[in-house]
Amino acid sequence: FKANWLKSIIHWILKSLKRFKDQETIARWEEGLVE
C-alpha cells in the first residue's frame, strides 16, 4: 500500500552507495528498481 515509502528507502540506500559506484550506474539501478 505504501510504494512511495519503498521508493524513498531505495533512493536513500542507493544515494549512500555513490562513494563506491559512479553516479550513472546508481541512476541506472534506481531507474530499473523504480520501474
PDB file of all heavy atoms in Angstrom:
ATOM      1  N   PHE A   1       0.795  -1.219   0.000  1.00  0.00           N
ATOM      2  CA  PHE A   1       0.000   0.000   0.000  1.00  0.00           C
ATOM      3  C   PHE A   1       0.832   1.275   0.000  1.00  0.00           C
ATOM      4  O   PHE A   1       0.329   2.351  -0.300  1.00  0.00           O
ATOM      5  CB  PHE A   1      -0.942   0.014   1.212  1.00  0.00           C
ATOM      6  CG  PHE A   1      -2.106  -0.923   1.076  1.00  0.00           C
ATOM      7  CD1 PHE A   1      -2.053  -2.198   1.595  1.00  0.00           C
ATOM      8  CD2 PHE A   1      -3.264  -0.526   0.415  1.00  0.00           C
ATOM      9  CE1 PHE A   1      -3.133  -3.069   1.471  1.00  0.00           C
ATOM     10  CE2 PHE A   1      -4.343  -1.384   0.282  1.00  0.00           C
ATOM     11  CZ  PHE A   1      -4.281  -2.661   0.810  1.00  0.00           C
ATOM     12  N   LYS A   2       2.111   1.181   0.382  1.00  0.00           N
ATOM     13  CA  LYS A   2       2.961   2.364   0.502  1.00  0.00           C
ATOM     14  C   LYS A   2       4.188   2.242  -0.407  1.00  0.00           C
ATOM     15  O   LYS A   2       5.328   2.221   0.053  1.00  0.00           O
ATOM     16  CB  LYS A   2       3.398   2.554   1.964  1.00  0.00           C
ATOM     17  CG  LYS A   2       2.252   2.743   2.945  1.00  0.00           C
ATOM     18  CD  LYS A   2       1.536   4.081   2.714  1.00  0.00           C
ATOM     19  CE  LYS A   2       0.432   4.292   3.740  1.00  0.00           C
ATOM     20  NZ  LYS A   2      -0.275   5.577   3.512  1.00  0.00           N
ATOM     21  N   ALA A   3       3.944   2.189  -1.721  1.00  0.00           N
ATOM     22  CA  ALA A   3       5.036   2.029  -2.687  1.00  0.00           C
ATOM     23  C   ALA A   3       5.997   3.209  -2.647  1.00  0.00           C
ATOM     24  O   ALA A   3       7.195   3.046  -2.856  1.00  0.00           O
ATOM     25  CB  ALA A   3       4.469   1.848  -4.092  1.00  0.00           C
ATOM     26  N   ASN A   4       5.475   4.415  -2.384  1.00  0.00           N
ATOM     27  CA  ASN A   4       6.331   5.609  -2.352  1.00  0.00           C
ATOM     28  C   ASN A   4       7.348   5.526  -1.213  1.00  0.00           C
ATOM     29  O   ASN A   4       8.469   6.024  -1.340  1.00  0.00           O
ATOM     30  CB  ASN A   4       5.473   6.875  -2.204  1.00  0.00           C
ATOM     31  CG  ASN A   4       4.733   7.202  -3.490  1.00  0.00           C
ATOM     32  OD1 ASN A   4       5.198   6.876  -4.578  1.00  0.00           O
ATOM     33  ND2 ASN A   4       3.573   7.821  -3.372  1.00  0.00           N
ATOM     34  N   TRP A   5       6.939   4.932  -0.106  1.00  0.00           N
ATOM     35  CA  TRP A   5       7.877   4.723   1.002  1.00  0.00           C
ATOM     36  C   TRP A   5       9.047   3.872   0.535  1.00  0.00           C
ATOM     37  O   TRP A   5      10.199   4.161   0.829  1.00  0.00           O
ATOM     38  CB  TRP A   5       7.180   4.049   2.179  1.00  0.00           C
ATOM     39  CG  TRP A   5       6.195   4.910   2.909  1.00  0.00           C
ATOM     40  CD1 TRP A   5       5.739   6.139   2.525  1.00  0.00           C
ATOM     41  CD2 TRP A   5       5.539   4.603   4.142  1.00  0.00           C
ATOM     42  NE1 TRP A   5       4.828   6.607   3.437  1.00  0.00           N
ATOM     43  CE2 TRP A   5       4.688   5.701   4.436  1.00  0.00           C
ATOM     44  CE3 TRP A   5       5.573   3.524   5.011  1.00  0.00           C
ATOM     45  CZ2 TRP A   5       3.881   5.740   5.579  1.00  0.00           C
ATOM     46  CZ3 TRP A   5       4.779   3.557   6.146  1.00  0.00           C
ATOM     47  CH2 TRP A   5       3.956   4.659   6.425  1.00  0.00           C
ATOM     48  N   LEU A   6       8.708   2.802  -0.184  1.00  0.00           N
ATOM     49  CA  LEU A   6       9.735   1.877  -0.668  1.00  0.00           C
ATOM     50  C   LEU A   6      10.689   2.586  -1.623  1.00  0.00           C
ATOM     51  O   LEU A   6      11.906   2.400  -1.561  1.00  0.00           O
ATOM     52  CB  LEU A   6       9.071   0.683  -1.354  1.00  0.00           C
ATOM     53  CG  LEU A   6       9.975  -0.469  -1.785  1.00  0.00           C
ATOM     54  CD1 LEU A   6      10.715  -1.054  -0.604  1.00  0.00           C
ATOM     55  CD2 LEU A   6       9.165  -1.551  -2.480  1.00  0.00           C
ATOM     56  N   LYS A   7      10.150   3.441  -2.506  1.00  0.00           N
ATOM     57  CA  LYS A   7      10.991   4.198  -3.436  1.00  0.00           C
ATOM     58  C   LYS A   7      11.941   5.124  -2.677  1.00  0.00           C
ATOM     59  O   LYS A   7      13.117   5.253  -3.040  1.00  0.00           O
ATOM     60  CB  LYS A   7      10.109   5.024  -4.378  1.00  0.00           C
ATOM     61  CG  LYS A   7       9.347   4.209  -5.404  1.00  0.00           C
ATOM     62  CD  LYS A   7       8.526   5.134  -6.279  1.00  0.00           C
ATOM     63  CE  LYS A   7       7.605   4.354  -7.202  1.00  0.00           C
ATOM     64  NZ  LYS A   7       6.759   5.250  -8.024  1.00  0.00           N
ATOM     65  N   SER A   8      11.422   5.766  -1.633  1.00  0.00           N
ATOM     66  CA  SER A   8      12.257   6.682  -0.836  1.00  0.00           C
ATOM     67  C   SER A   8      13.392   5.934  -0.156  1.00  0.00           C
ATOM     68  O   SER A   8      14.540   6.412  -0.114  1.00  0.00           O
ATOM     69  CB  SER A   8      11.394   7.390   0.212  1.00  0.00           C
ATOM     70  OG  SER A   8      10.384   8.154  -0.401  1.00  0.00           O
ATOM     71  N   ILE A   9      13.080   4.752   0.383  1.00  0.00           N
ATOM     72  CA  ILE A   9      14.096   3.939   1.059  1.00  0.00           C
ATOM     73  C   ILE A   9      15.173   3.506   0.064  1.00  0.00           C
ATOM     74  O   ILE A   9      16.374   3.582   0.347  1.00  0.00           O
ATOM     75  CB  ILE A   9      13.449   2.709   1.735  1.00  0.00           C
ATOM     76  CG1 ILE A   9      12.560   3.156   2.901  1.00  0.00           C
ATOM     77  CG2 ILE A   9      14.513   1.728   2.229  1.00  0.00           C
ATOM     78  CD1 ILE A   9      11.671   2.055   3.456  1.00  0.00           C
ATOM     79  N   ILE A  10      14.746   3.063  -1.134  1.00  0.00           N
ATOM     80  CA  ILE A  10      15.696   2.643  -2.165  1.00  0.00           C
ATOM     81  C   ILE A  10      16.576   3.816  -2.596  1.00  0.00           C
ATOM     82  O   ILE A  10      17.792   3.670  -2.766  1.00  0.00           O
ATOM     83  CB  ILE A  10      14.943   2.041  -3.376  1.00  0.00           C
ATOM     84  CG1 ILE A  10      14.373   0.665  -3.001  1.00  0.00           C
ATOM     85  CG2 ILE A  10      15.857   1.923  -4.600  1.00  0.00           C
ATOM     86  CD1 ILE A  10      13.463   0.067  -4.033  1.00  0.00           C
ATOM     87  N   HIS A  11      15.946   4.991  -2.767  1.00  0.00           N
ATOM     88  CA  HIS A  11      16.705   6.193  -3.158  1.00  0.00           C
ATOM     89  C   HIS A  11      17.757   6.522  -2.103  1.00  0.00           C
ATOM     90  O   HIS A  11      18.910   6.838  -2.437  1.00  0.00           O
ATOM     91  CB  HIS A  11      15.743   7.372  -3.330  1.00  0.00           C
ATOM     92  CG  HIS A  11      16.429   8.662  -3.658  1.00  0.00           C
ATOM     93  ND1 HIS A  11      16.988   8.914  -4.904  1.00  0.00           N
ATOM     94  CD2 HIS A  11      16.688   9.763  -2.892  1.00  0.00           C
ATOM     95  CE1 HIS A  11      17.546  10.119  -4.894  1.00  0.00           C
ATOM     96  NE2 HIS A  11      17.379  10.657  -3.688  1.00  0.00           N
ATOM     97  N   TRP A  12      17.377   6.424  -0.837  1.00  0.00           N
ATOM     98  CA  TRP A  12      18.307   6.734   0.259  1.00  0.00           C
ATOM     99  C   TRP A  12      19.466   5.733   0.299  1.00  0.00           C
ATOM    100  O   TRP A  12      20.619   6.113   0.470  1.00  0.00           O
ATOM    101  CB  TRP A  12      17.542   6.711   1.575  1.00  0.00           C
ATOM    102  CG  TRP A  12      18.411   7.005   2.766  1.00  0.00           C
ATOM    103  CD1 TRP A  12      18.835   8.234   3.202  1.00  0.00           C
ATOM    104  CD2 TRP A  12      18.980   6.034   3.655  1.00  0.00           C
ATOM    105  NE1 TRP A  12      19.626   8.101   4.313  1.00  0.00           N
ATOM    106  CE2 TRP A  12      19.747   6.764   4.619  1.00  0.00           C
ATOM    107  CE3 TRP A  12      18.924   4.646   3.744  1.00  0.00           C
ATOM    108  CZ2 TRP A  12      20.436   6.122   5.641  1.00  0.00           C
ATOM    109  CZ3 TRP A  12      19.616   4.020   4.770  1.00  0.00           C
ATOM    110  CH2 TRP A  12      20.368   4.744   5.706  1.00  0.00           C
ATOM    111  N   ILE A  13      19.149   4.450   0.107  1.00  0.00           N
ATOM    112  CA  ILE A  13      20.191   3.409   0.131  1.00  0.00           C
ATOM    113  C   ILE A  13      21.169   3.594  -1.021  1.00  0.00           C
ATOM    114  O   ILE A  13      22.392   3.548  -0.849  1.00  0.00           O
ATOM    115  CB  ILE A  13      19.548   1.996   0.073  1.00  0.00           C
ATOM    116  CG1 ILE A  13      18.779   1.716   1.366  1.00  0.00           C
ATOM    117  CG2 ILE A  13      20.624   0.923  -0.137  1.00  0.00           C
ATOM    118  CD1 ILE A  13      17.952   0.436   1.323  1.00  0.00           C
ATOM    119  N   LEU A  14      20.620   3.827  -2.238  1.00  0.00           N
ATOM    120  CA  LEU A  14      21.474   3.990  -3.415  1.00  0.00           C
ATOM    121  C   LEU A  14      22.311   5.266  -3.327  1.00  0.00           C
ATOM    122  O   LEU A  14      23.464   5.311  -3.791  1.00  0.00           O
ATOM    123  CB  LEU A  14      20.624   3.991  -4.683  1.00  0.00           C
ATOM    124  CG  LEU A  14      19.966   2.655  -5.049  1.00  0.00           C
ATOM    125  CD1 LEU A  14      19.092   2.814  -6.286  1.00  0.00           C
ATOM    126  CD2 LEU A  14      21.014   1.576  -5.286  1.00  0.00           C
ATOM    127  N   LYS A  15      21.730   6.297  -2.729  1.00  0.00           N
ATOM    128  CA  LYS A  15      22.463   7.554  -2.547  1.00  0.00           C
ATOM    129  C   LYS A  15      23.703   7.353  -1.680  1.00  0.00           C
ATOM    130  O   LYS A  15      24.765   7.947  -1.920  1.00  0.00           O
ATOM    131  CB  LYS A  15      21.537   8.595  -1.914  1.00  0.00           C
ATOM    132  CG  LYS A  15      22.114  10.000  -1.888  1.00  0.00           C
ATOM    133  CD  LYS A  15      21.113  10.980  -1.299  1.00  0.00           C
ATOM    134  CE  LYS A  15      21.710  12.377  -1.226  1.00  0.00           C
ATOM    135  NZ  LYS A  15      20.760  13.356  -0.626  1.00  0.00           N
ATOM    136  N   SER A  16      23.550   6.486  -0.673  1.00  0.00           N
ATOM    137  CA  SER A  16      24.686   6.210   0.218  1.00  0.00           C
ATOM    138  C   SER A  16      25.770   5.380  -0.455  1.00  0.00           C
ATOM    139  O   SER A  16      26.882   5.257   0.055  1.00  0.00           O
ATOM    140  CB  SER A  16      24.188   5.490   1.482  1.00  0.00           C
ATOM    141  OG  SER A  16      23.670   4.213   1.156  1.00  0.00           O
ATOM    142  N   LEU A  17      25.456   4.798  -1.632  1.00  0.00           N
ATOM    143  CA  LEU A  17      26.437   3.976  -2.353  1.00  0.00           C
ATOM    144  C   LEU A  17      27.246   4.778  -3.378  1.00  0.00           C
ATOM    145  O   LEU A  17      28.116   4.224  -4.053  1.00  0.00           O
ATOM    146  CB  LEU A  17      25.717   2.824  -3.071  1.00  0.00           C
ATOM    147  CG  LEU A  17      25.049   1.752  -2.199  1.00  0.00           C
ATOM    148  CD1 LEU A  17      24.303   0.752  -3.076  1.00  0.00           C
ATOM    149  CD2 LEU A  17      26.076   1.022  -1.348  1.00  0.00           C
ATOM    150  N   LYS A  18      26.941   6.061  -3.497  1.00  0.00           N
ATOM    151  CA  LYS A  18      27.592   6.875  -4.535  1.00  0.00           C
ATOM    152  C   LYS A  18      29.103   6.975  -4.355  1.00  0.00           C
ATOM    153  O   LYS A  18      29.834   7.212  -5.310  1.00  0.00           O
ATOM    154  CB  LYS A  18      26.964   8.273  -4.562  1.00  0.00           C
ATOM    155  CG  LYS A  18      25.600   8.287  -5.244  1.00  0.00           C
ATOM    156  CD  LYS A  18      25.019   9.684  -5.347  1.00  0.00           C
ATOM    157  CE  LYS A  18      23.676   9.653  -6.084  1.00  0.00           C
ATOM    158  NZ  LYS A  18      23.059  10.997  -6.152  1.00  0.00           N
ATOM    159  N   ARG A  19      29.567   6.817  -3.138  1.00  0.00           N
ATOM    160  CA  ARG A  19      31.018   6.872  -2.902  1.00  0.00           C
ATOM    161  C   ARG A  19      31.726   5.629  -3.433  1.00  0.00           C
ATOM    162  O   ARG A  19      32.956   5.630  -3.605  1.00  0.00           O
ATOM    163  CB  ARG A  19      31.304   7.050  -1.411  1.00  0.00           C
ATOM    164  CG  ARG A  19      30.934   5.858  -0.549  1.00  0.00           C
ATOM    165  CD  ARG A  19      31.169   6.118   0.920  1.00  0.00           C
ATOM    166  NE  ARG A  19      30.211   7.102   1.434  1.00  0.00           N
ATOM    167  CZ  ARG A  19      30.143   7.480   2.703  1.00  0.00           C
ATOM    168  NH1 ARG A  19      30.991   6.974   3.582  1.00  0.00           N
ATOM    169  NH2 ARG A  19      29.242   8.342   3.099  1.00  0.00           N
ATOM    170  N   PHE A  20      30.961   4.549  -3.664  1.00  0.00           N
ATOM    171  CA  PHE A  20      31.556   3.300  -4.155  1.00  0.00           C
ATOM    172  C   PHE A  20      31.320   3.080  -5.648  1.00  0.00           C
ATOM    173  O   PHE A  20      32.064   2.354  -6.295  1.00  0.00           O
ATOM    174  CB  PHE A  20      30.989   2.102  -3.382  1.00  0.00           C
ATOM    175  CG  PHE A  20      31.123   2.227  -1.884  1.00  0.00           C
ATOM    176  CD1 PHE A  20      30.020   2.488  -1.093  1.00  0.00           C
ATOM    177  CD2 PHE A  20      32.360   2.090  -1.271  1.00  0.00           C
ATOM    178  CE1 PHE A  20      30.133   2.606   0.287  1.00  0.00           C
ATOM    179  CE2 PHE A  20      32.488   2.196   0.100  1.00  0.00           C
ATOM    180  CZ  PHE A  20      31.379   2.467   0.889  1.00  0.00           C
ATOM    181  N   LYS A  21      30.239   3.676  -6.189  1.00  0.00           N
ATOM    182  CA  LYS A  21      29.895   3.493  -7.599  1.00  0.00           C
ATOM    183  C   LYS A  21      29.693   4.854  -8.266  1.00  0.00           C
ATOM    184  O   LYS A  21      29.315   5.832  -7.606  1.00  0.00           O
ATOM    185  CB  LYS A  21      28.603   2.667  -7.728  1.00  0.00           C
ATOM    186  CG  LYS A  21      28.805   1.170  -7.547  1.00  0.00           C
ATOM    187  CD  LYS A  21      29.396   0.534  -8.800  1.00  0.00           C
ATOM    188  CE  LYS A  21      29.517  -0.970  -8.651  1.00  0.00           C
ATOM    189  NZ  LYS A  21      30.130  -1.583  -9.856  1.00  0.00           N
ATOM    190  N   ASP A  22      29.890   4.907  -9.598  1.00  0.00           N
ATOM    191  CA  ASP A  22      29.693   6.171 -10.295  1.00  0.00           C
ATOM    192  C   ASP A  22      28.206   6.519 -10.369  1.00  0.00           C
ATOM    193  O   ASP A  22      27.340   5.649 -10.306  1.00  0.00           O
ATOM    194  CB  ASP A  22      30.292   6.102 -11.709  1.00  0.00           C
ATOM    195  CG  ASP A  22      29.646   5.032 -12.558  1.00  0.00           C
ATOM    196  OD1 ASP A  22      30.096   3.856 -12.453  1.00  0.00           O
ATOM    197  OD2 ASP A  22      28.703   5.343 -13.291  1.00  0.00           O
ATOM    198  N   GLN A  23      27.911   7.782 -10.519  1.00  0.00           N
ATOM    199  CA  GLN A  23      26.548   8.295 -10.469  1.00  0.00           C
ATOM    200  C   GLN A  23      25.673   7.708 -11.578  1.00  0.00           C
ATOM    201  O   GLN A  23      24.489   7.456 -11.378  1.00  0.00           O
ATOM    202  CB  GLN A  23      26.568   9.824 -10.566  1.00  0.00           C
ATOM    203  CG  GLN A  23      25.243  10.464 -10.190  1.00  0.00           C
ATOM    204  CD  GLN A  23      25.378  11.967  -9.977  1.00  0.00           C
ATOM    205  OE1 GLN A  23      26.489  12.456  -9.861  1.00  0.00           O
ATOM    206  NE2 GLN A  23      24.265  12.667  -9.923  1.00  0.00           N
ATOM    207  N   GLU A  24      26.251   7.482 -12.743  1.00  0.00           N
ATOM    208  CA  GLU A  24      25.484   6.940 -13.877  1.00  0.00           C
ATOM    209  C   GLU A  24      24.971   5.532 -13.574  1.00  0.00           C
ATOM    210  O   GLU A  24      23.820   5.198 -13.863  1.00  0.00           O
ATOM    211  CB  GLU A  24      26.372   6.919 -15.127  1.00  0.00           C
ATOM    212  CG  GLU A  24      25.621   6.528 -16.385  1.00  0.00           C
ATOM    213  CD  GLU A  24      26.525   6.515 -17.613  1.00  0.00           C
ATOM    214  OE1 GLU A  24      27.571   7.203 -17.589  1.00  0.00           O
ATOM    215  OE2 GLU A  24      26.190   5.803 -18.579  1.00  0.00           O
ATOM    216  N   THR A  25      25.833   4.703 -12.971  1.00  0.00           N
ATOM    217  CA  THR A  25      25.435   3.336 -12.606  1.00  0.00           C
ATOM    218  C   THR A  25      24.334   3.354 -11.551  1.00  0.00           C
ATOM    219  O   THR A  25      23.340   2.608 -11.658  1.00  0.00           O
ATOM    220  CB  THR A  25      26.650   2.546 -12.066  1.00  0.00           C
ATOM    221  OG1 THR A  25      27.678   2.544 -13.047  1.00  0.00           O
ATOM    222  CG2 THR A  25      26.254   1.115 -11.727  1.00  0.00           C
ATOM    223  N   ILE A  26      24.500   4.233 -10.543  1.00  0.00           N
ATOM    224  CA  ILE A  26      23.497   4.345  -9.477  1.00  0.00           C
ATOM    225  C   ILE A  26      22.153   4.775 -10.065  1.00  0.00           C
ATOM    226  O   ILE A  26      21.101   4.225  -9.713  1.00  0.00           O
ATOM    227  CB  ILE A  26      23.952   5.369  -8.404  1.00  0.00           C
ATOM    228  CG1 ILE A  26      25.221   4.877  -7.686  1.00  0.00           C
ATOM    229  CG2 ILE A  26      22.834   5.625  -7.401  1.00  0.00           C
ATOM    230  CD1 ILE A  26      25.030   3.664  -6.817  1.00  0.00           C
ATOM    231  N   ALA A  27      22.179   5.744 -10.975  1.00  0.00           N
ATOM    232  CA  ALA A  27      20.942   6.235 -11.601  1.00  0.00           C
ATOM    233  C   ALA A  27      20.264   5.134 -12.410  1.00  0.00           C
ATOM    234  O   ALA A  27      19.027   5.004 -12.404  1.00  0.00           O
ATOM    235  CB  ALA A  27      21.257   7.429 -12.498  1.00  0.00           C
ATOM    236  N   ARG A  28      21.083   4.306 -13.099  1.00  0.00           N
ATOM    237  CA  ARG A  28      20.528   3.209 -13.896  1.00  0.00           C
ATOM    238  C   ARG A  28      19.883   2.166 -12.999  1.00  0.00           C
ATOM    239  O   ARG A  28      18.809   1.633 -13.302  1.00  0.00           O
ATOM    240  CB  ARG A  28      21.648   2.586 -14.742  1.00  0.00           C
ATOM    241  CG  ARG A  28      21.133   1.602 -15.791  1.00  0.00           C
ATOM    242  CD  ARG A  28      22.192   1.211 -16.802  1.00  0.00           C
ATOM    243  NE  ARG A  28      23.306   0.507 -16.195  1.00  0.00           N
ATOM    244  CZ  ARG A  28      24.526   1.007 -16.042  1.00  0.00           C
ATOM    245  NH1 ARG A  28      24.797   2.249 -16.473  1.00  0.00           N
ATOM    246  NH2 ARG A  28      25.497   0.314 -15.482  1.00  0.00           N
ATOM    247  N   TRP A  29      20.530   1.863 -11.867  1.00  0.00           N
ATOM    248  CA  TRP A  29      19.975   0.921 -10.898  1.00  0.00           C
ATOM    249  C   TRP A  29      18.632   1.422 -10.347  1.00  0.00           C
ATOM    250  O   TRP A  29      17.666   0.684 -10.278  1.00  0.00           O
ATOM    251  CB  TRP A  29      20.956   0.731  -9.731  1.00  0.00           C
ATOM    252  CG  TRP A  29      22.152  -0.109 -10.060  1.00  0.00           C
ATOM    253  CD1 TRP A  29      22.407  -0.759 -11.236  1.00  0.00           C
ATOM    254  CD2 TRP A  29      23.272  -0.381  -9.204  1.00  0.00           C
ATOM    255  NE1 TRP A  29      23.618  -1.424 -11.181  1.00  0.00           N
ATOM    256  CE2 TRP A  29      24.162  -1.209  -9.929  1.00  0.00           C
ATOM    257  CE3 TRP A  29      23.600  -0.004  -7.915  1.00  0.00           C
ATOM    258  CZ2 TRP A  29      25.365  -1.674  -9.389  1.00  0.00           C
ATOM    259  CZ3 TRP A  29      24.803  -0.465  -7.362  1.00  0.00           C
ATOM    260  CH2 TRP A  29      25.671  -1.282  -8.092  1.00  0.00           C
ATOM    261  N   GLU A  30      18.633   2.719  -9.984  1.00  0.00           N
ATOM    262  CA  GLU A  30      17.415   3.279  -9.385  1.00  0.00           C
ATOM    263  C   GLU A  30      16.261   3.288 -10.381  1.00  0.00           C
ATOM    264  O   GLU A  30      15.126   2.974 -10.043  1.00  0.00           O
ATOM    265  CB  GLU A  30      17.685   4.703  -8.876  1.00  0.00           C
ATOM    266  CG  GLU A  30      16.501   5.307  -8.143  1.00  0.00           C
ATOM    267  CD  GLU A  30      16.832   6.597  -7.423  1.00  0.00           C
ATOM    268  OE1 GLU A  30      18.025   6.993  -7.397  1.00  0.00           O
ATOM    269  OE2 GLU A  30      15.897   7.212  -6.871  1.00  0.00           O
ATOM    270  N   GLU A  31      16.584   3.657 -11.628  1.00  0.00           N
ATOM    271  CA  GLU A  31      15.547   3.681 -12.672  1.00  0.00           C
ATOM    272  C   GLU A  31      14.938   2.289 -12.869  1.00  0.00           C
ATOM    273  O   GLU A  31      13.717   2.136 -12.973  1.00  0.00           O
ATOM    274  CB  GLU A  31      16.158   4.178 -13.987  1.00  0.00           C
ATOM    275  CG  GLU A  31      15.146   4.340 -15.105  1.00  0.00           C
ATOM    276  CD  GLU A  31      15.783   4.774 -16.417  1.00  0.00           C
ATOM    277  OE1 GLU A  31      16.981   5.143 -16.410  1.00  0.00           O
ATOM    278  OE2 GLU A  31      15.083   4.736 -17.448  1.00  0.00           O
ATOM    279  N   GLY A  32      15.803   1.273 -12.906  1.00  0.00           N
ATOM    280  CA  GLY A  32      15.319  -0.107 -13.077  1.00  0.00           C
ATOM    281  C   GLY A  32      14.460  -0.567 -11.909  1.00  0.00           C
ATOM    282  O   GLY A  32      13.402  -1.186 -12.114  1.00  0.00           O
ATOM    283  N   LEU A  33      14.904  -0.244 -10.688  1.00  0.00           N
ATOM    284  CA  LEU A  33      14.159  -0.652  -9.499  1.00  0.00           C
ATOM    285  C   LEU A  33      12.809   0.060  -9.406  1.00  0.00           C
ATOM    286  O   LEU A  33      11.794  -0.555  -9.082  1.00  0.00           O
ATOM    287  CB  LEU A  33      14.986  -0.377  -8.237  1.00  0.00           C
ATOM    288  CG  LEU A  33      16.168  -1.318  -7.986  1.00  0.00           C
ATOM    289  CD1 LEU A  33      17.045  -0.796  -6.852  1.00  0.00           C
ATOM    290  CD2 LEU A  33      15.680  -2.725  -7.655  1.00  0.00           C
ATOM    291  N   VAL A  34      12.803   1.367  -9.700  1.00  0.00           N
ATOM    292  CA  VAL A  34      11.546   2.138  -9.658  1.00  0.00           C
ATOM    293  C   VAL A  34      10.554   1.606 -10.686  1.00  0.00           C
ATOM    294  O   VAL A  34       9.347   1.500 -10.429  1.00  0.00           O
ATOM    295  CB  VAL A  34      11.831   3.646  -9.898  1.00  0.00           C
ATOM    296  CG1 VAL A  34      10.529   4.407 -10.169  1.00  0.00           C
ATOM    297  CG2 VAL A  34      12.539   4.240  -8.694  1.00  0.00           C
ATOM    298  N   GLU A  35      11.075   1.240 -11.860  1.00  0.00           N
ATOM    299  CA  GLU A  35      10.218   0.677 -12.904  1.00  0.00           C
ATOM    300  C   GLU A  35       9.565  -0.623 -12.434  1.00  0.00           C
ATOM    301  O   GLU A  35       8.369  -0.848 -12.654  1.00  0.00           O
ATOM    302  CB  GLU A  35      11.068   0.415 -14.163  1.00  0.00           C
ATOM    303  CG  GLU A  35      10.263  -0.069 -15.356  1.00  0.00           C
ATOM    304  CD  GLU A  35      11.151  -0.369 -16.565  1.00  0.00           C
ATOM    305  OE1 GLU A  35      12.179   0.319 -16.724  1.00  0.00           O
ATOM    306  OE2 GLU A  35      10.807  -1.292 -17.324  1.00  0.00           O
TER     307      GLU A  35
END
